Amino acid sequence: MADSTLRLFNQFYDLDLVVNANEYEVVLSYFKSKTTQEKTAQSYTENLFRISNQTDIDVLTLLDSFQKSDDMTITAVMAYFLNSFSDKTVMFGVNNVIVPNNGVARNIVQ
């Protein structure tokens, strides 16, 4: 029997997951149909598997929640999930203007 798994490794997120190759292709195909950039589709795919791993929700169930979403909604939802897992000093967002805390910024040595 052939191995039907795929290892995802992303050094930036310290991600090392073994995922079902068929599910990976389904998710990647969906994001390719929604984006114009191959790298964006791959990134969204890796991140959806990461979200699935962190939340213990099946990746195809998560993908179903995107089925009627436009590109901006997909980006916003991905940013929401990634912000919930990331270091609190990092904020992913859509045109999110970060307003610094002047009291804290004054004490940071550059």
PDB file of N, CA and C in Angstrom:
ATOM      1  N   MET A   1       0.848  -1.186   0.000  1.00  0.00           N
ATOM      2  CA  MET A   1       0.000   0.000   0.000  1.00  0.00           C
ATOM      3  C   MET A   1       0.891   1.245   0.000  1.00  0.00           C
ATOM      4  N   ALA A   2       0.600   2.160  -0.864  1.00  0.00           N
ATOM      5  CA  ALA A   2       1.383   3.387  -0.988  1.00  0.00           C
ATOM      6  C   ALA A   2       1.087   4.325   0.175  1.00  0.00           C
ATOM      7  N   ASP A   3       2.115   5.064   0.572  1.00  0.00           N
ATOM      8  CA  ASP A   3       1.962   6.043   1.646  1.00  0.00           C
ATOM      9  C   ASP A   3       1.194   7.245   1.111  1.00  0.00           C
ATOM     10  N   SER A   4       0.074   7.564   1.749  1.00  0.00           N
ATOM     11  CA  SER A   4      -0.743   8.679   1.264  1.00  0.00           C
ATOM     12  C   SER A   4      -0.676   9.865   2.216  1.00  0.00           C
ATOM     13  N   THR A   5       0.497  10.056   2.804  1.00  0.00           N
ATOM     14  CA  THR A   5       0.672  11.204   3.686  1.00  0.00           C
ATOM     15  C   THR A   5       1.683  12.158   3.088  1.00  0.00           C
ATOM     16  N   LEU A   6       1.661  13.357   3.592  1.00  0.00           N
ATOM     17  CA  LEU A   6       2.550  14.413   3.132  1.00  0.00           C
ATOM     18  C   LEU A   6       3.057  15.134   4.364  1.00  0.00           C
ATOM     19  N   ARG A   7       4.349  15.441   4.405  1.00  0.00           N
ATOM     20  CA  ARG A   7       4.910  16.151   5.547  1.00  0.00           C
ATOM     21  C   ARG A   7       4.999  17.637   5.206  1.00  0.00           C
ATOM     22  N   LEU A   8       4.335  18.442   6.033  1.00  0.00           N
ATOM     23  CA  LEU A   8       4.408  19.897   5.886  1.00  0.00           C
ATOM     24  C   LEU A   8       5.449  20.417   6.863  1.00  0.00           C
ATOM     25  N   PHE A   9       6.375  21.204   6.368  1.00  0.00           N
ATOM     26  CA  PHE A   9       7.371  21.803   7.239  1.00  0.00           C
ATOM     27  C   PHE A   9       7.499  23.265   6.861  1.00  0.00           C
ATOM     28  N   ASN A  10       7.322  24.122   7.838  1.00  0.00           N
ATOM     29  CA  ASN A  10       7.436  25.550   7.626  1.00  0.00           C
ATOM     30  C   ASN A  10       8.323  26.091   8.728  1.00  0.00           C
ATOM     31  N   GLN A  11       9.513  26.517   8.363  1.00  0.00           N
ATOM     32  CA  GLN A  11      10.490  26.964   9.344  1.00  0.00           C
ATOM     33  C   GLN A  11      10.042  28.231  10.075  1.00  0.00           C
ATOM     34  N   PHE A  12       9.312  29.105   9.385  1.00  0.00           N
ATOM     35  CA  PHE A  12       8.877  30.356  10.001  1.00  0.00           C
ATOM     36  C   PHE A  12       7.962  30.095  11.197  1.00  0.00           C
ATOM     37  N   TYR A  13       7.016  29.177  11.035  1.00  0.00           N
ATOM     38  CA  TYR A  13       6.072  28.873  12.099  1.00  0.00           C
ATOM     39  C   TYR A  13       6.495  27.683  12.957  1.00  0.00           C
ATOM     40  N   ASP A  14       7.679  27.116  12.664  1.00  0.00           N
ATOM     41  CA  ASP A  14       8.122  25.909  13.349  1.00  0.00           C
ATOM     42  C   ASP A  14       7.054  24.833  13.217  1.00  0.00           C
ATOM     43  N   LEU A  15       6.578  24.676  11.999  1.00  0.00           N
ATOM     44  CA  LEU A  15       5.495  23.755  11.691  1.00  0.00           C
ATOM     45  C   LEU A  15       6.073  22.464  11.131  1.00  0.00           C
ATOM     46  N   ASP A  16       5.682  21.340  11.696  1.00  0.00           N
ATOM     47  CA  ASP A  16       6.089  20.036  11.195  1.00  0.00           C
ATOM     48  C   ASP A  16       4.906  19.096  11.378  1.00  0.00           C
ATOM     49  N   LEU A  17       4.099  18.950  10.329  1.00  0.00           N
ATOM     50  CA  LEU A  17       2.891  18.133  10.382  1.00  0.00           C
ATOM     51  C   LEU A  17       2.931  17.050   9.313  1.00  0.00           C
ATOM     52  N   VAL A  18       2.345  15.911   9.622  1.00  0.00           N
ATOM     53  CA  VAL A  18       2.124  14.872   8.625  1.00  0.00           C
ATOM     54  C   VAL A  18       0.633  14.888   8.328  1.00  0.00           C
ATOM     55  N   VAL A  19       0.285  15.134   7.056  1.00  0.00           N
ATOM     56  CA  VAL A  19      -1.120  15.282   6.677  1.00  0.00           C
ATOM     57  C   VAL A  19      -1.455  14.320   5.550  1.00  0.00           C
ATOM     58  N   ASN A  20      -2.727  14.079   5.377  1.00  0.00           N
ATOM     59  CA  ASN A  20      -3.221  13.235   4.303  1.00  0.00           C
ATOM     60  C   ASN A  20      -2.995  13.945   2.972  1.00  0.00           C
ATOM     61  N   ALA A  21      -2.311  13.267   2.044  1.00  0.00           N
ATOM     62  CA  ALA A  21      -1.971  13.879   0.752  1.00  0.00           C
ATOM     63  C   ALA A  21      -3.217  14.233  -0.058  1.00  0.00           C
ATOM     64  N   ASN A  22      -4.249  13.407   0.020  1.00  0.00           N
ATOM     65  CA  ASN A  22      -5.477  13.694  -0.723  1.00  0.00           C
ATOM     66  C   ASN A  22      -6.167  14.940  -0.182  1.00  0.00           C
ATOM     67  N   GLU A  23      -6.213  15.073   1.139  1.00  0.00           N
ATOM     68  CA  GLU A  23      -6.807  16.270   1.740  1.00  0.00           C
ATOM     69  C   GLU A  23      -5.993  17.501   1.374  1.00  0.00           C
ATOM     70  N   TYR A  24      -4.666  17.357   1.365  1.00  0.00           N
ATOM     71  CA  TYR A  24      -3.806  18.479   0.994  1.00  0.00           C
ATOM     72  C   TYR A  24      -4.131  18.953  -0.424  1.00  0.00           C
ATOM     73  N   GLU A  25      -4.285  18.022  -1.345  1.00  0.00           N
ATOM     74  CA  GLU A  25      -4.596  18.381  -2.735  1.00  0.00           C
ATOM     75  C   GLU A  25      -5.960  19.057  -2.858  1.00  0.00           C
ATOM     76  N   VAL A  26      -6.941  18.590  -2.086  1.00  0.00           N
ATOM     77  CA  VAL A  26      -8.279  19.204  -2.110  1.00  0.00           C
ATOM     78  C   VAL A  26      -8.193  20.649  -1.632  1.00  0.00           C
ATOM     79  N   VAL A  27      -7.502  20.869  -0.512  1.00  0.00           N
ATOM     80  CA  VAL A  27      -7.388  22.217   0.050  1.00  0.00           C
ATOM     81  C   VAL A  27      -6.588  23.121  -0.884  1.00  0.00           C
ATOM     82  N   LEU A  28      -5.467  22.616  -1.383  1.00  0.00           N
ATOM     83  CA  LEU A  28      -4.642  23.408  -2.301  1.00  0.00           C
ATOM     84  C   LEU A  28      -5.416  23.777  -3.561  1.00  0.00           C
ATOM     85  N   SER A  29      -6.166  22.845  -4.115  1.00  0.00           N
ATOM     86  CA  SER A  29      -6.958  23.123  -5.321  1.00  0.00           C
ATOM     87  C   SER A  29      -7.981  24.223  -5.062  1.00  0.00           C
ATOM     88  N   TYR A  30      -8.618  24.173  -3.889  1.00  0.00           N
ATOM     89  CA  TYR A  30      -9.603  25.202  -3.561  1.00  0.00           C
ATOM     90  C   TYR A  30      -8.945  26.580  -3.510  1.00  0.00           C
ATOM     91  N   PHE A  31      -7.818  26.675  -2.790  1.00  0.00           N
ATOM     92  CA  PHE A  31      -7.172  27.976  -2.665  1.00  0.00           C
ATOM     93  C   PHE A  31      -6.564  28.446  -3.985  1.00  0.00           C
ATOM     94  N   LYS A  32      -6.150  27.531  -4.845  1.00  0.00           N
ATOM     95  CA  LYS A  32      -5.677  27.931  -6.175  1.00  0.00           C
ATOM     96  C   LYS A  32      -6.809  28.561  -6.977  1.00  0.00           C
ATOM     97  N   SER A  33      -8.033  28.057  -6.769  1.00  0.00           N
ATOM     98  CA  SER A  33      -9.175  28.618  -7.497  1.00  0.00           C
ATOM     99  C   SER A  33      -9.576  29.989  -6.946  1.00  0.00           C
ATOM    100  N   LYS A  34      -9.168  30.293  -5.715  1.00  0.00           N
ATOM    101  CA  LYS A  34      -9.551  31.550  -5.088  1.00  0.00           C
ATOM    102  C   LYS A  34      -8.477  32.633  -5.157  1.00  0.00           C
ATOM    103  N   THR A  35      -7.237  32.251  -5.474  1.00  0.00           N
ATOM    104  CA  THR A  35      -6.145  33.223  -5.497  1.00  0.00           C
ATOM    105  C   THR A  35      -5.472  33.224  -6.870  1.00  0.00           C
ATOM    106  N   THR A  36      -4.703  34.250  -7.117  1.00  0.00           N
ATOM    107  CA  THR A  36      -3.991  34.330  -8.388  1.00  0.00           C
ATOM    108  C   THR A  36      -2.531  33.922  -8.249  1.00  0.00           C
ATOM    109  N   GLN A  37      -2.044  33.819  -7.028  1.00  0.00           N
ATOM    110  CA  GLN A  37      -0.645  33.486  -6.773  1.00  0.00           C
ATOM    111  C   GLN A  37      -0.513  32.071  -6.221  1.00  0.00           C
ATOM    112  N   GLU A  38       0.378  31.289  -6.801  1.00  0.00           N
ATOM    113  CA  GLU A  38       0.649  29.924  -6.331  1.00  0.00           C
ATOM    114  C   GLU A  38       1.143  29.929  -4.887  1.00  0.00           C
ATOM    115  N   LYS A  39       2.043  30.851  -4.556  1.00  0.00           N
ATOM    116  CA  LYS A  39       2.592  30.930  -3.195  1.00  0.00           C
ATOM    117  C   LYS A  39       1.503  31.237  -2.173  1.00  0.00           C
ATOM    118  N   THR A  40       0.554  32.079  -2.537  1.00  0.00           N
ATOM    119  CA  THR A  40      -0.540  32.410  -1.626  1.00  0.00           C
ATOM    120  C   THR A  40      -1.386  31.171  -1.366  1.00  0.00           C
ATOM    121  N   ALA A  41      -1.691  30.419  -2.413  1.00  0.00           N
ATOM    122  CA  ALA A  41      -2.481  29.193  -2.262  1.00  0.00           C
ATOM    123  C   ALA A  41      -1.752  28.191  -1.372  1.00  0.00           C
ATOM    124  N   GLN A  42      -0.456  28.052  -1.555  1.00  0.00           N
ATOM    125  CA  GLN A  42       0.327  27.137  -0.725  1.00  0.00           C
ATOM    126  C   GLN A  42       0.361  27.603   0.723  1.00  0.00           C
ATOM    127  N   SER A  43       0.525  28.884   0.922  1.00  0.00           N
ATOM    128  CA  SER A  43       0.563  29.430   2.277  1.00  0.00           C
ATOM    129  C   SER A  43      -0.777  29.244   2.985  1.00  0.00           C
ATOM    130  N   TYR A  44      -1.866  29.551   2.291  1.00  0.00           N
ATOM    131  CA  TYR A  44      -3.202  29.352   2.871  1.00  0.00           C
ATOM    132  C   TYR A  44      -3.433  27.876   3.211  1.00  0.00           C
ATOM    133  N   THR A  45      -2.971  26.995   2.323  1.00  0.00           N
ATOM    134  CA  THR A  45      -3.140  25.562   2.555  1.00  0.00           C
ATOM    135  C   THR A  45      -2.382  25.126   3.804  1.00  0.00           C
ATOM    136  N   GLU A  46      -1.114  25.507   3.904  1.00  0.00           N
ATOM    137  CA  GLU A  46      -0.317  25.151   5.082  1.00  0.00           C
ATOM    138  C   GLU A  46      -0.945  25.715   6.351  1.00  0.00           C
ATOM    139  N   ASN A  47      -1.409  26.944   6.265  1.00  0.00           N
ATOM    140  CA  ASN A  47      -1.989  27.571   7.445  1.00  0.00           C
ATOM    141  C   ASN A  47      -3.320  26.941   7.842  1.00  0.00           C
ATOM    142  N   LEU A  48      -4.102  26.483   6.873  1.00  0.00           N
ATOM    143  CA  LEU A  48      -5.349  25.822   7.217  1.00  0.00           C
ATOM    144  C   LEU A  48      -5.075  24.492   7.933  1.00  0.00           C
ATOM    145  N   PHE A  49      -4.037  23.786   7.492  1.00  0.00           N
ATOM    146  CA  PHE A  49      -3.660  22.562   8.204  1.00  0.00           C
ATOM    147  C   PHE A  49      -3.137  22.887   9.604  1.00  0.00           C
ATOM    148  N   ARG A  50      -2.436  23.983   9.728  1.00  0.00           N
ATOM    149  CA  ARG A  50      -1.958  24.419  11.046  1.00  0.00           C
ATOM    150  C   ARG A  50      -3.141  24.765  11.955  1.00  0.00           C
ATOM    151  N   ILE A  51      -4.114  25.474  11.420  1.00  0.00           N
ATOM    152  CA  ILE A  51      -5.320  25.823  12.177  1.00  0.00           C
ATOM    153  C   ILE A  51      -6.057  24.552  12.589  1.00  0.00           C
ATOM    154  N   SER A  52      -6.168  23.613  11.657  1.00  0.00           N
ATOM    155  CA  SER A  52      -6.820  22.340  11.949  1.00  0.00           C
ATOM    156  C   SER A  52      -6.120  21.610  13.084  1.00  0.00           C
ATOM    157  N   ASN A  53      -4.807  21.604  13.043  1.00  0.00           N
ATOM    158  CA  ASN A  53      -4.023  20.940  14.080  1.00  0.00           C
ATOM    159  C   ASN A  53      -4.202  21.622  15.436  1.00  0.00           C
ATOM    160  N   GLN A  54      -4.205  22.948  15.451  1.00  0.00           N
ATOM    161  CA  GLN A  54      -4.319  23.703  16.699  1.00  0.00           C
ATOM    162  C   GLN A  54      -5.714  23.618  17.320  1.00  0.00           C
ATOM    163  N   THR A  55      -6.738  23.536  16.478  1.00  0.00           N
ATOM    164  CA  THR A  55      -8.114  23.562  16.972  1.00  0.00           C
ATOM    165  C   THR A  55      -8.758  22.181  17.072  1.00  0.00           C
ATOM    166  N   ASP A  56      -8.070  21.157  16.570  1.00  0.00           N
ATOM    167  CA  ASP A  56      -8.618  19.795  16.524  1.00  0.00           C
ATOM    168  C   ASP A  56      -9.925  19.727  15.734  1.00  0.00           C
ATOM    169  N   ILE A  57     -10.018  20.549  14.696  1.00  0.00           N
ATOM    170  CA  ILE A  57     -11.162  20.514  13.773  1.00  0.00           C
ATOM    171  C   ILE A  57     -10.647  19.968  12.455  1.00  0.00           C
ATOM    172  N   ASP A  58     -11.387  19.025  11.877  1.00  0.00           N
ATOM    173  CA  ASP A  58     -10.979  18.429  10.610  1.00  0.00           C
ATOM    174  C   ASP A  58     -10.771  19.509   9.555  1.00  0.00           C
ATOM    175  N   VAL A  59      -9.690  19.383   8.780  1.00  0.00           N
ATOM    176  CA  VAL A  59      -9.340  20.404   7.796  1.00  0.00           C
ATOM    177  C   VAL A  59     -10.433  20.573   6.737  1.00  0.00           C
ATOM    178  N   LEU A  60     -11.109  19.491   6.363  1.00  0.00           N
ATOM    179  CA  LEU A  60     -12.166  19.606   5.359  1.00  0.00           C
ATOM    180  C   LEU A  60     -13.398  20.302   5.924  1.00  0.00           C
ATOM    181  N   THR A  61     -13.629  20.169   7.223  1.00  0.00           N
ATOM    182  CA  THR A  61     -14.710  20.920   7.874  1.00  0.00           C
ATOM    183  C   THR A  61     -14.387  22.411   7.852  1.00  0.00           C
ATOM    184  N   LEU A  62     -13.127  22.748   8.142  1.00  0.00           N
ATOM    185  CA  LEU A  62     -12.720  24.154   8.065  1.00  0.00           C
ATOM    186  C   LEU A  62     -12.857  24.674   6.644  1.00  0.00           C
ATOM    187  N   LEU A  63     -12.450  23.867   5.677  1.00  0.00           N
ATOM    188  CA  LEU A  63     -12.540  24.280   4.275  1.00  0.00           C
ATOM    189  C   LEU A  63     -13.985  24.532   3.870  1.00  0.00           C
ATOM    190  N   ASP A  64     -14.909  23.720   4.365  1.00  0.00           N
ATOM    191  CA  ASP A  64     -16.331  23.925   4.066  1.00  0.00           C
ATOM    192  C   ASP A  64     -16.803  25.305   4.518  1.00  0.00           C
ATOM    193  N   SER A  65     -16.232  25.807   5.593  1.00  0.00           N
ATOM    194  CA  SER A  65     -16.649  27.118   6.088  1.00  0.00           C
ATOM    195  C   SER A  65     -16.225  28.245   5.149  1.00  0.00           C
ATOM    196  N   PHE A  66     -15.280  27.970   4.236  1.00  0.00           N
ATOM    197  CA  PHE A  66     -14.824  28.977   3.278  1.00  0.00           C
ATOM    198  C   PHE A  66     -15.583  28.927   1.959  1.00  0.00           C
ATOM    199  N   GLN A  67     -16.397  27.930   1.738  1.00  0.00           N
ATOM    200  CA  GLN A  67     -16.978  27.679   0.422  1.00  0.00           C
ATOM    201  C   GLN A  67     -17.724  28.863  -0.185  1.00  0.00           C
ATOM    202  N   LYS A  68     -18.398  29.645   0.610  1.00  0.00           N
ATOM    203  CA  LYS A  68     -19.166  30.767   0.058  1.00  0.00           C
ATOM    204  C   LYS A  68     -18.525  32.116   0.375  1.00  0.00           C
ATOM    205  N   SER A  69     -17.239  32.094   0.710  1.00  0.00           N
ATOM    206  CA  SER A  69     -16.547  33.319   1.106  1.00  0.00           C
ATOM    207  C   SER A  69     -15.841  33.968  -0.076  1.00  0.00           C
ATOM    208  N   ASP A  70     -15.765  35.292  -0.031  1.00  0.00           N
ATOM    209  CA  ASP A  70     -14.982  35.997  -1.032  1.00  0.00           C
ATOM    210  C   ASP A  70     -13.521  36.074  -0.556  1.00  0.00           C
ATOM    211  N   ASP A  71     -12.647  36.592  -1.419  1.00  0.00           N
ATOM    212  CA  ASP A  71     -11.215  36.621  -1.114  1.00  0.00           C
ATOM    213  C   ASP A  71     -10.902  37.404   0.164  1.00  0.00           C
ATOM    214  N   MET A  72     -11.563  38.522   0.363  1.00  0.00           N
ATOM    215  CA  MET A  72     -11.300  39.353   1.531  1.00  0.00           C
ATOM    216  C   MET A  72     -11.732  38.645   2.816  1.00  0.00           C
ATOM    217  N   THR A  73     -12.844  37.947   2.776  1.00  0.00           N
ATOM    218  CA  THR A  73     -13.317  37.211   3.946  1.00  0.00           C
ATOM    219  C   THR A  73     -12.362  36.078   4.288  1.00  0.00           C
ATOM    220  N   ILE A  74     -11.866  35.372   3.274  1.00  0.00           N
ATOM    221  CA  ILE A  74     -10.901  34.299   3.509  1.00  0.00           C
ATOM    222  C   ILE A  74      -9.654  34.851   4.183  1.00  0.00           C
ATOM    223  N   THR A  75      -9.146  35.962   3.685  1.00  0.00           N
ATOM    224  CA  THR A  75      -7.961  36.577   4.266  1.00  0.00           C
ATOM    225  C   THR A  75      -8.220  37.007   5.707  1.00  0.00           C
ATOM    226  N   ALA A  76      -9.370  37.588   5.970  1.00  0.00           N
ATOM    227  CA  ALA A  76      -9.700  38.043   7.323  1.00  0.00           C
ATOM    228  C   ALA A  76      -9.830  36.872   8.291  1.00  0.00           C
ATOM    229  N   VAL A  77     -10.457  35.791   7.855  1.00  0.00           N
ATOM    230  CA  VAL A  77     -10.616  34.616   8.718  1.00  0.00           C
ATOM    231  C   VAL A  77      -9.258  33.972   9.000  1.00  0.00           C
ATOM    232  N   MET A  78      -8.421  33.865   7.973  1.00  0.00           N
ATOM    233  CA  MET A  78      -7.079  33.307   8.174  1.00  0.00           C
ATOM    234  C   MET A  78      -6.289  34.174   9.153  1.00  0.00           C
ATOM    235  N   ALA A  79      -6.377  35.490   9.013  1.00  0.00           N
ATOM    236  CA  ALA A  79      -5.678  36.395   9.929  1.00  0.00           C
ATOM    237  C   ALA A  79      -6.194  36.234  11.349  1.00  0.00           C
ATOM    238  N   TYR A  80      -7.499  36.091  11.505  1.00  0.00           N
ATOM    239  CA  TYR A  80      -8.089  35.908  12.830  1.00  0.00           C
ATOM    240  C   TYR A  80      -7.519  34.669  13.516  1.00  0.00           C
ATOM    241  N   PHE A  81      -7.526  33.541  12.807  1.00  0.00           N
ATOM    242  CA  PHE A  81      -7.009  32.305  13.394  1.00  0.00           C
ATOM    243  C   PHE A  81      -5.510  32.399  13.675  1.00  0.00           C
ATOM    244  N   LEU A  82      -4.754  32.942  12.726  1.00  0.00           N
ATOM    245  CA  LEU A  82      -3.311  33.039  12.923  1.00  0.00           C
ATOM    246  C   LEU A  82      -2.969  33.954  14.092  1.00  0.00           C
ATOM    247  N   ASN A  83      -3.729  35.023  14.261  1.00  0.00           N
ATOM    248  CA  ASN A  83      -3.496  35.914  15.406  1.00  0.00           C
ATOM    249  C   ASN A  83      -3.777  35.219  16.731  1.00  0.00           C
ATOM    250  N   SER A  84      -4.726  34.291  16.736  1.00  0.00           N
ATOM    251  CA  SER A  84      -5.045  33.604  17.985  1.00  0.00           C
ATOM    252  C   SER A  84      -3.951  32.622  18.394  1.00  0.00           C
ATOM    253  N   PHE A  85      -3.107  32.167  17.447  1.00  0.00           N
ATOM    254  CA  PHE A  85      -2.030  31.224  17.760  1.00  0.00           C
ATOM    255  C   PHE A  85      -0.673  31.885  17.890  1.00  0.00           C
ATOM    256  N   SER A  86      -0.499  33.046  17.303  1.00  0.00           N
ATOM    257  CA  SER A  86       0.833  33.631  17.199  1.00  0.00           C
ATOM    258  C   SER A  86       1.253  34.329  18.486  1.00  0.00           C
ATOM    259  N   ASP A  87       2.499  34.690  18.504  1.00  0.00           N
ATOM    260  CA  ASP A  87       3.047  35.484  19.594  1.00  0.00           C
ATOM    261  C   ASP A  87       2.241  36.778  19.673  1.00  0.00           C
ATOM    262  N   LYS A  88       1.960  37.235  20.859  1.00  0.00           N
ATOM    263  CA  LYS A  88       1.089  38.413  21.027  1.00  0.00           C
ATOM    264  C   LYS A  88       1.728  39.714  20.541  1.00  0.00           C
ATOM    265  N   THR A  89       3.018  39.684  20.190  1.00  0.00           N
ATOM    266  CA  THR A  89       3.647  40.885  19.645  1.00  0.00           C
ATOM    267  C   THR A  89       3.489  40.967  18.136  1.00  0.00           C
ATOM    268  N   VAL A  90       2.904  39.936  17.520  1.00  0.00           N
ATOM    269  CA  VAL A  90       2.713  39.880  16.068  1.00  0.00           C
ATOM    270  C   VAL A  90       1.221  39.972  15.779  1.00  0.00           C
ATOM    271  N   MET A  91       0.868  40.804  14.830  1.00  0.00           N
ATOM    272  CA  MET A  91      -0.535  40.904  14.431  1.00  0.00           C
ATOM    273  C   MET A  91      -0.635  40.807  12.921  1.00  0.00           C
ATOM    274  N   PHE A  92      -1.344  39.773  12.434  1.00  0.00           N
ATOM    275  CA  PHE A  92      -1.628  39.636  11.015  1.00  0.00           C
ATOM    276  C   PHE A  92      -2.966  40.313  10.770  1.00  0.00           C
ATOM    277  N   GLY A  93      -3.108  40.973   9.638  1.00  0.00           N
ATOM    278  CA  GLY A  93      -4.382  41.616   9.401  1.00  0.00           C
ATOM    279  C   GLY A  93      -4.501  42.144   8.001  1.00  0.00           C
ATOM    280  N   VAL A  94      -5.632  42.703   7.734  1.00  0.00           N
ATOM    281  CA  VAL A  94      -5.926  43.282   6.443  1.00  0.00           C
ATOM    282  C   VAL A  94      -5.981  44.789   6.632  1.00  0.00           C
ATOM    283  N   ASN A  95      -5.002  45.478   6.088  1.00  0.00           N
ATOM    284  CA  ASN A  95      -4.920  46.929   6.243  1.00  0.00           C
ATOM    285  C   ASN A  95      -5.067  47.353   7.700  1.00  0.00           C
ATOM    286  N   ASN A  96      -4.438  46.607   8.569  1.00  0.00           N
ATOM    287  CA  ASN A  96      -4.506  46.875   9.994  1.00  0.00           C
ATOM    288  C   ASN A  96      -3.413  47.877  10.365  1.00  0.00           C
ATOM    289  N   VAL A  97      -3.790  49.075  10.738  1.00  0.00           N
ATOM    290  CA  VAL A  97      -2.825  50.080  11.138  1.00  0.00           C
ATOM    291  C   VAL A  97      -2.588  49.920  12.634  1.00  0.00           C
ATOM    292  N   ILE A  98      -1.343  49.640  12.976  1.00  0.00           N
ATOM    293  CA  ILE A  98      -0.997  49.457  14.376  1.00  0.00           C
ATOM    294  C   ILE A  98      -0.687  50.816  14.993  1.00  0.00           C
ATOM    295  N   VAL A  99      -1.377  51.115  16.080  1.00  0.00           N
ATOM    296  CA  VAL A  99      -1.147  52.363  16.798  1.00  0.00           C
ATOM    297  C   VAL A  99      -0.268  52.042  17.997  1.00  0.00           C
ATOM    298  N   PRO A 100       0.935  52.595  18.036  1.00  0.00           N
ATOM    299  CA  PRO A 100       1.837  52.258  19.130  1.00  0.00           C
ATOM    300  C   PRO A 100       1.393  52.876  20.450  1.00  0.00           C
ATOM    301  N   ASN A 101       1.745  52.193  21.500  1.00  0.00           N
ATOM    302  CA  ASN A 101       1.555  52.716  22.840  1.00  0.00           C
ATOM    303  C   ASN A 101       2.747  53.623  23.110  1.00  0.00           C
ATOM    304  N   ASN A 102       2.547  54.928  23.143  1.00  0.00           N
ATOM    305  CA  ASN A 102       3.659  55.874  23.248  1.00  0.00           C
ATOM    306  C   ASN A 102       4.474  55.694  24.522  1.00  0.00           C
ATOM    307  N   GLY A 103       3.831  55.329  25.609  1.00  0.00           N
ATOM    308  CA  GLY A 103       4.569  55.104  26.855  1.00  0.00           C
ATOM    309  C   GLY A 103       5.537  53.946  26.730  1.00  0.00           C
ATOM    310  N   VAL A 104       5.117  52.898  26.055  1.00  0.00           N
ATOM    311  CA  VAL A 104       5.985  51.741  25.867  1.00  0.00           C
ATOM    312  C   VAL A 104       7.023  52.042  24.796  1.00  0.00           C
ATOM    313  N   ALA A 105       6.615  52.640  23.697  1.00  0.00           N
ATOM    314  CA  ALA A 105       7.531  52.932  22.594  1.00  0.00           C
ATOM    315  C   ALA A 105       8.671  53.829  23.026  1.00  0.00           C
ATOM    316  N   ARG A 106       8.415  54.719  23.947  1.00  0.00           N
ATOM    317  CA  ARG A 106       9.431  55.637  24.429  1.00  0.00           C
ATOM    318  C   ARG A 106      10.554  54.875  25.164  1.00  0.00           C
ATOM    319  N   ASN A 107      10.222  53.741  25.770  1.00  0.00           N
ATOM    320  CA  ASN A 107      11.188  52.973  26.534  1.00  0.00           C
ATOM    321  C   ASN A 107      11.942  51.903  25.739  1.00  0.00           C
ATOM    322  N   ILE A 108      11.624  51.770  24.460  1.00  0.00           N
ATOM    323  CA  ILE A 108      12.285  50.764  23.632  1.00  0.00           C
ATOM    324  C   ILE A 108      13.525  51.365  22.987  1.00  0.00           C
ATOM    325  N   VAL A 109      14.657  50.710  23.201  1.00  0.00           N
ATOM    326  CA  VAL A 109      15.907  51.156  22.621  1.00  0.00           C
ATOM    327  C   VAL A 109      16.032  50.519  21.243  1.00  0.00           C
ATOM    328  N   GLN A 110      16.313  51.332  20.233  1.00  0.00           N
ATOM    329  CA  GLN A 110      16.434  50.796  18.874  1.00  0.00           C
ATOM    330  C   GLN A 110      17.862  50.686  18.480  1.00  0.00           C
TER     331      GLN A 110
END
